[in-house]
Every structure is written in structure tokens, then in C-alpha cells.
PDB file of all heavy atoms in Angstrom:
ATOM      1  N   ALA A   1     208.007 -97.366 -61.554  1.00  0.00           N
ATOM      2  CA  ALA A   1     207.198 -96.149 -61.458  1.00  0.00           C
ATOM      3  C   ALA A   1     208.147 -94.993 -61.065  1.00  0.00           C
ATOM      4  O   ALA A   1     208.578 -94.878 -59.938  1.00  0.00           O
ATOM      5  CB  ALA A   1     206.127 -96.309 -60.432  1.00  0.00           C
ATOM      6  N   LEU A   2     208.472 -94.144 -62.074  1.00  0.00           N
ATOM      7  CA  LEU A   2     209.516 -93.150 -61.890  1.00  0.00           C
ATOM      8  C   LEU A   2     209.026 -91.738 -62.188  1.00  0.00           C
ATOM      9  O   LEU A   2     208.158 -91.561 -63.044  1.00  0.00           O
ATOM     10  CB  LEU A   2     210.700 -93.483 -62.810  1.00  0.00           C
ATOM     11  CG  LEU A   2     211.246 -94.897 -62.747  1.00  0.00           C
ATOM     12  CD1 LEU A   2     212.211 -95.158 -63.907  1.00  0.00           C
ATOM     13  CD2 LEU A   2     211.938 -95.130 -61.418  1.00  0.00           C
ATOM     14  N   VAL A   3     209.610 -90.782 -61.503  1.00  0.00           N
ATOM     15  CA  VAL A   3     209.304 -89.383 -61.786  1.00  0.00           C
ATOM     16  C   VAL A   3     210.619 -88.613 -62.021  1.00  0.00           C
ATOM     17  O   VAL A   3     211.657 -88.978 -61.476  1.00  0.00           O
ATOM     18  CB  VAL A   3     208.496 -88.692 -60.681  1.00  0.00           C
ATOM     19  CG1 VAL A   3     207.170 -89.346 -60.492  1.00  0.00           C
ATOM     20  CG2 VAL A   3     209.263 -88.649 -59.365  1.00  0.00           C
ATOM     21  N   ALA A   4     210.514 -87.563 -62.848  1.00  0.00           N
ATOM     22  CA  ALA A   4     211.591 -86.613 -63.000  1.00  0.00           C
ATOM     23  C   ALA A   4     211.204 -85.369 -62.217  1.00  0.00           C
ATOM     24  O   ALA A   4     210.106 -84.843 -62.387  1.00  0.00           O
ATOM     25  CB  ALA A   4     211.817 -86.268 -64.461  1.00  0.00           C
ATOM     26  N   GLU A   5     212.072 -84.921 -61.333  1.00  0.00           N
ATOM     27  CA  GLU A   5     211.694 -83.843 -60.401  1.00  0.00           C
ATOM     28  C   GLU A   5     212.752 -82.749 -60.400  1.00  0.00           C
ATOM     29  O   GLU A   5     213.965 -83.033 -60.404  1.00  0.00           O
ATOM     30  CB  GLU A   5     211.574 -84.447 -58.995  1.00  0.00           C
ATOM     31  CG  GLU A   5     210.987 -83.531 -57.949  1.00  0.00           C
ATOM     32  CD  GLU A   5     210.768 -84.290 -56.661  1.00  0.00           C
ATOM     33  OE1 GLU A   5     211.769 -84.776 -56.063  1.00  0.00           O
ATOM     34  OE2 GLU A   5     209.610 -84.422 -56.209  1.00  0.00           O
ATOM     35  N   GLN A   6     212.296 -81.500 -60.405  1.00  0.00           N
ATOM     36  CA  GLN A   6     213.197 -80.352 -60.333  1.00  0.00           C
ATOM     37  C   GLN A   6     212.790 -79.495 -59.133  1.00  0.00           C
ATOM     38  O   GLN A   6     211.671 -78.943 -59.112  1.00  0.00           O
ATOM     39  CB  GLN A   6     213.135 -79.511 -61.631  1.00  0.00           C
ATOM     40  CG  GLN A   6     214.104 -78.308 -61.608  1.00  0.00           C
ATOM     41  CD  GLN A   6     213.819 -77.404 -62.764  1.00  0.00           C
ATOM     42  OE1 GLN A   6     212.742 -76.833 -62.892  1.00  0.00           O
ATOM     43  NE2 GLN A   6     214.830 -77.210 -63.631  1.00  0.00           N
ATOM     44  N   ASP A   7     213.676 -79.412 -58.176  1.00  0.00           N
ATOM     45  CA  ASP A   7     213.415 -78.593 -56.995  1.00  0.00           C
ATOM     46  C   ASP A   7     212.064 -78.900 -56.358  1.00  0.00           C
ATOM     47  O   ASP A   7     211.286 -77.988 -55.987  1.00  0.00           O
ATOM     48  CB  ASP A   7     213.500 -77.086 -57.337  1.00  0.00           C
ATOM     49  CG  ASP A   7     214.855 -76.711 -57.911  1.00  0.00           C
ATOM     50  OD1 ASP A   7     215.866 -77.258 -57.428  1.00  0.00           O
ATOM     51  OD2 ASP A   7     214.889 -75.879 -58.842  1.00  0.00           O
ATOM     52  N   GLY A   8     211.760 -80.169 -56.260  1.00  0.00           N
ATOM     53  CA  GLY A   8     210.476 -80.596 -55.648  1.00  0.00           C
ATOM     54  C   GLY A   8     209.284 -80.585 -56.584  1.00  0.00           C
ATOM     55  O   GLY A   8     208.194 -81.013 -56.185  1.00  0.00           O
ATOM     56  N   LYS A   9     209.467 -80.135 -57.820  1.00  0.00           N
ATOM     57  CA  LYS A   9     208.350 -80.092 -58.791  1.00  0.00           C
ATOM     58  C   LYS A   9     208.511 -81.233 -59.789  1.00  0.00           C
ATOM     59  O   LYS A   9     209.540 -81.365 -60.434  1.00  0.00           O
ATOM     60  CB  LYS A   9     208.373 -78.748 -59.531  1.00  0.00           C
ATOM     61  CG  LYS A   9     207.378 -78.653 -60.670  1.00  0.00           C
ATOM     62  CD  LYS A   9     207.627 -77.392 -61.486  1.00  0.00           C
ATOM     63  CE  LYS A   9     206.749 -77.319 -62.730  1.00  0.00           C
ATOM     64  NZ  LYS A   9     207.059 -76.140 -63.582  1.00  0.00           N
ATOM     65  N   ILE A  10     207.464 -82.051 -59.921  1.00  0.00           N
ATOM     66  CA  ILE A  10     207.511 -83.162 -60.889  1.00  0.00           C
ATOM     67  C   ILE A  10     207.263 -82.620 -62.296  1.00  0.00           C
ATOM     68  O   ILE A  10     206.279 -81.931 -62.550  1.00  0.00           O
ATOM     69  CB  ILE A  10     206.475 -84.231 -60.536  1.00  0.00           C
ATOM     70  CG1 ILE A  10     206.813 -84.877 -59.197  1.00  0.00           C
ATOM     71  CG2 ILE A  10     206.393 -85.323 -61.624  1.00  0.00           C
ATOM     72  CD1 ILE A  10     205.806 -85.906 -58.710  1.00  0.00           C
ATOM     73  N   VAL A  11     208.194 -82.895 -63.214  1.00  0.00           N
ATOM     74  CA  VAL A  11     208.129 -82.371 -64.565  1.00  0.00           C
ATOM     75  C   VAL A  11     207.954 -83.468 -65.610  1.00  0.00           C
ATOM     76  O   VAL A  11     207.805 -83.191 -66.803  1.00  0.00           O
ATOM     77  CB  VAL A  11     209.361 -81.512 -64.905  1.00  0.00           C
ATOM     78  CG1 VAL A  11     209.432 -80.297 -63.965  1.00  0.00           C
ATOM     79  CG2 VAL A  11     210.646 -82.328 -64.811  1.00  0.00           C
ATOM     80  N   GLY A  12     208.008 -84.703 -65.169  1.00  0.00           N
ATOM     81  CA  GLY A  12     207.811 -85.811 -66.117  1.00  0.00           C
ATOM     82  C   GLY A  12     207.713 -87.102 -65.314  1.00  0.00           C
ATOM     83  O   GLY A  12     208.091 -87.177 -64.157  1.00  0.00           O
ATOM     84  N   PHE A  13     207.168 -88.148 -65.956  1.00  0.00           N
ATOM     85  CA  PHE A  13     207.139 -89.436 -65.291  1.00  0.00           C
ATOM     86  C   PHE A  13     207.056 -90.570 -66.308  1.00  0.00           C
ATOM     87  O   PHE A  13     206.638 -90.377 -67.466  1.00  0.00           O
ATOM     88  CB  PHE A  13     205.996 -89.540 -64.261  1.00  0.00           C
ATOM     89  CG  PHE A  13     204.607 -89.566 -64.832  1.00  0.00           C
ATOM     90  CD1 PHE A  13     203.940 -90.741 -65.102  1.00  0.00           C
ATOM     91  CD2 PHE A  13     203.910 -88.344 -65.065  1.00  0.00           C
ATOM     92  CE1 PHE A  13     202.627 -90.741 -65.592  1.00  0.00           C
ATOM     93  CE2 PHE A  13     202.618 -88.341 -65.542  1.00  0.00           C
ATOM     94  CZ  PHE A  13     201.993 -89.560 -65.817  1.00  0.00           C
ATOM     95  N   GLY A  14     207.474 -91.737 -65.871  1.00  0.00           N
ATOM     96  CA  GLY A  14     207.387 -92.936 -66.687  1.00  0.00           C
ATOM     97  C   GLY A  14     206.894 -94.105 -65.849  1.00  0.00           C
ATOM     98  O   GLY A  14     207.346 -94.282 -64.713  1.00  0.00           O
ATOM     99  N   VAL A  15     205.953 -94.840 -66.393  1.00  0.00           N
ATOM    100  CA  VAL A  15     205.375 -95.968 -65.628  1.00  0.00           C
ATOM    101  C   VAL A  15     205.259 -97.180 -66.560  1.00  0.00           C
ATOM    102  O   VAL A  15     204.735 -97.107 -67.646  1.00  0.00           O
ATOM    103  CB  VAL A  15     203.942 -95.624 -65.109  1.00  0.00           C
ATOM    104  CG1 VAL A  15     203.288 -96.858 -64.470  1.00  0.00           C
ATOM    105  CG2 VAL A  15     204.013 -94.467 -64.105  1.00  0.00           C
ATOM    106  N   ALA A  16     205.836 -98.282 -66.054  1.00  0.00           N
ATOM    107  CA  ALA A  16     205.638 -99.588 -66.698  1.00  0.00           C
ATOM    108  C   ALA A  16     204.904-100.477 -65.706  1.00  0.00           C
ATOM    109  O   ALA A  16     205.211-100.424 -64.496  1.00  0.00           O
ATOM    110  CB  ALA A  16     206.946-100.177 -67.100  1.00  0.00           C
ATOM    111  N   ILE A  17     203.974-101.253 -66.173  1.00  0.00           N
ATOM    112  CA  ILE A  17     203.204-102.111 -65.276  1.00  0.00           C
ATOM    113  C   ILE A  17     203.353-103.580 -65.647  1.00  0.00           C
ATOM    114  O   ILE A  17     203.576-103.899 -66.806  1.00  0.00           O
ATOM    115  CB  ILE A  17     201.702-101.722 -65.262  1.00  0.00           C
ATOM    116  CG1 ILE A  17     201.116-101.796 -66.676  1.00  0.00           C
ATOM    117  CG2 ILE A  17     201.503-100.344 -64.652  1.00  0.00           C
ATOM    118  CD1 ILE A  17     199.626-101.521 -66.724  1.00  0.00           C
ATOM    119  N   PRO A  18     203.275-104.456 -64.656  1.00  0.00           N
ATOM    120  CA  PRO A  18     203.395-105.892 -64.957  1.00  0.00           C
ATOM    121  C   PRO A  18     202.280-106.329 -65.908  1.00  0.00           C
ATOM    122  O   PRO A  18     201.136-105.880 -65.786  1.00  0.00           O
ATOM    123  CB  PRO A  18     203.247-106.552 -63.598  1.00  0.00           C
ATOM    124  CG  PRO A  18     203.481-105.497 -62.609  1.00  0.00           C
ATOM    125  CD  PRO A  18     203.071-104.211 -63.221  1.00  0.00           C
ATOM    126  N   ASP A  19     202.582-107.223 -66.809  1.00  0.00           N
ATOM    127  CA  ASP A  19     201.581-107.706 -67.752  1.00  0.00           C
ATOM    128  C   ASP A  19     200.700-108.756 -67.089  1.00  0.00           C
ATOM    129  O   ASP A  19     200.896-109.965 -67.285  1.00  0.00           O
ATOM    130  CB  ASP A  19     202.233-108.266 -69.018  1.00  0.00           C
ATOM    131  CG  ASP A  19     201.224-108.709 -70.062  1.00  0.00           C
ATOM    132  OD1 ASP A  19     200.040-108.263 -69.937  1.00  0.00           O
ATOM    133  OD2 ASP A  19     201.581-109.472 -70.979  1.00  0.00           O
ATOM    134  N   ILE A  20     199.705-108.253 -66.324  1.00  0.00           N
ATOM    135  CA  ILE A  20     198.869-109.195 -65.602  1.00  0.00           C
ATOM    136  C   ILE A  20     197.924-109.997 -66.526  1.00  0.00           C
ATOM    137  O   ILE A  20     197.228-110.894 -66.057  1.00  0.00           O
ATOM    138  CB  ILE A  20     198.016-108.515 -64.518  1.00  0.00           C
ATOM    139  CG1 ILE A  20     197.076-107.470 -65.112  1.00  0.00           C
ATOM    140  CG2 ILE A  20     198.901-107.877 -63.465  1.00  0.00           C
ATOM    141  CD1 ILE A  20     196.005-106.986 -64.153  1.00  0.00           C
ATOM    142  N   ASN A  21     197.968-109.688 -67.825  1.00  0.00           N
ATOM    143  CA  ASN A  21     197.201-110.517 -68.765  1.00  0.00           C
ATOM    144  C   ASN A  21     197.656-111.966 -68.746  1.00  0.00           C
ATOM    145  O   ASN A  21     196.910-112.886 -69.088  1.00  0.00           O
ATOM    146  CB  ASN A  21     197.288-109.952 -70.211  1.00  0.00           C
ATOM    147  CG  ASN A  21     196.260-108.856 -70.447  1.00  0.00           C
ATOM    148  OD1 ASN A  21     195.603-108.397 -69.491  1.00  0.00           O
ATOM    149  ND2 ASN A  21     196.098-108.474 -71.697  1.00  0.00           N
ATOM    150  N   GLN A  22     198.892-112.190 -68.347  1.00  0.00           N
ATOM    151  CA  GLN A  22     199.374-113.559 -68.211  1.00  0.00           C
ATOM    152  C   GLN A  22     198.510-114.356 -67.206  1.00  0.00           C
ATOM    153  O   GLN A  22     198.304-115.549 -67.347  1.00  0.00           O
ATOM    154  CB  GLN A  22     200.844-113.589 -67.710  1.00  0.00           C
ATOM    155  CG  GLN A  22     201.871-113.157 -68.721  1.00  0.00           C
ATOM    156  CD  GLN A  22     203.278-113.290 -68.198  1.00  0.00           C
ATOM    157  OE1 GLN A  22     203.531-113.777 -67.127  1.00  0.00           O
ATOM    158  NE2 GLN A  22     204.249-112.832 -68.995  1.00  0.00           N
ATOM    159  N   ILE A  23     198.008-113.625 -66.201  1.00  0.00           N
ATOM    160  CA  ILE A  23     197.136-114.253 -65.204  1.00  0.00           C
ATOM    161  C   ILE A  23     195.660-114.175 -65.621  1.00  0.00           C
ATOM    162  O   ILE A  23     194.922-115.160 -65.504  1.00  0.00           O
ATOM    163  CB  ILE A  23     197.318-113.595 -63.828  1.00  0.00           C
ATOM    164  CG1 ILE A  23     198.777-113.626 -63.411  1.00  0.00           C
ATOM    165  CG2 ILE A  23     196.475-114.276 -62.764  1.00  0.00           C
ATOM    166  CD1 ILE A  23     199.103-112.783 -62.179  1.00  0.00           C
ATOM    167  N   LEU A  24     195.240-113.002 -66.097  1.00  0.00           N
ATOM    168  CA  LEU A  24     193.844-112.829 -66.488  1.00  0.00           C
ATOM    169  C   LEU A  24     193.394-113.874 -67.513  1.00  0.00           C
ATOM    170  O   LEU A  24     192.242-114.253 -67.540  1.00  0.00           O
ATOM    171  CB  LEU A  24     193.605-111.412 -67.018  1.00  0.00           C
ATOM    172  CG  LEU A  24     193.825-110.251 -66.058  1.00  0.00           C
ATOM    173  CD1 LEU A  24     193.483-108.956 -66.689  1.00  0.00           C
ATOM    174  CD2 LEU A  24     193.075-110.463 -64.748  1.00  0.00           C
TER     175      LEU A  24
END
């Protein structure tokens, strides 16, 4: 869970989540 930040302002982000379908 990552953000791109410029001078304290978030200008972008990227999120990957675990594939909990393996459990579901």
C-alpha cells in the first residue's frame, strides 16, 4: 500500500491486496 507524495500532498497511490479468494 504505497503513496506518491509531494511536499506532504498525496498525488498518486498504488495498492495491491492479498488474494484472499484462496481462502474464501
